[in-house]
Amino acid sequence: MRASINVFWILAGFFFLALATYTIWALIVYGEPEWVGTVGLGLVTIMAVFIAFYLSRSYRSQGGDLPEDRLDASVDDGDPEMGFFSPYSWWPLLLATAAALGFLGIAVGLWIGAIGLALFIVAITGWVYEYYRGYFAR
């Protein structure tokens, strides 16, 4: 994480230098700042500072190095248990199809969104109650 923090601070410095150069150059050439590029570079600089600040605060508050920062860490240190995932489940694919139909309905016509909503209700119900019936019933 320290490497990421340093990269974002370096990027923030680079973008600030590019902002200053761009603004001064526009003042010399045109006599006034070119607002689109100046504001864009300013916002990119601010975003890089935000990300670097957030990462440094997170690093300080976690109370230790991440496994990828330690030289004596093994592969298992950075591979925690993430939880249980349903094997061979088709419901996430149906949910993605329902989301695609919903967004297509926003773009093309509301009747397609209604089909997506109906498919969403069926798919979310099937995914939630997957272990209450069939082969995996408990």
Foldseek 3Di string as FASTA:
>chain_A
DVVLLVVLVVVLVVLVVVLVVQQVVCCVPPVHGDPPVNVVSVVVSVVSVVVSVVVVVVCVVVPDDQLVVDPPHDPVSNPDDPDDDDPPDCLVVLLVVLVVQLVVCVVPNVVSNVVSVVSNVVSVVCVVCVQCDDPNDD
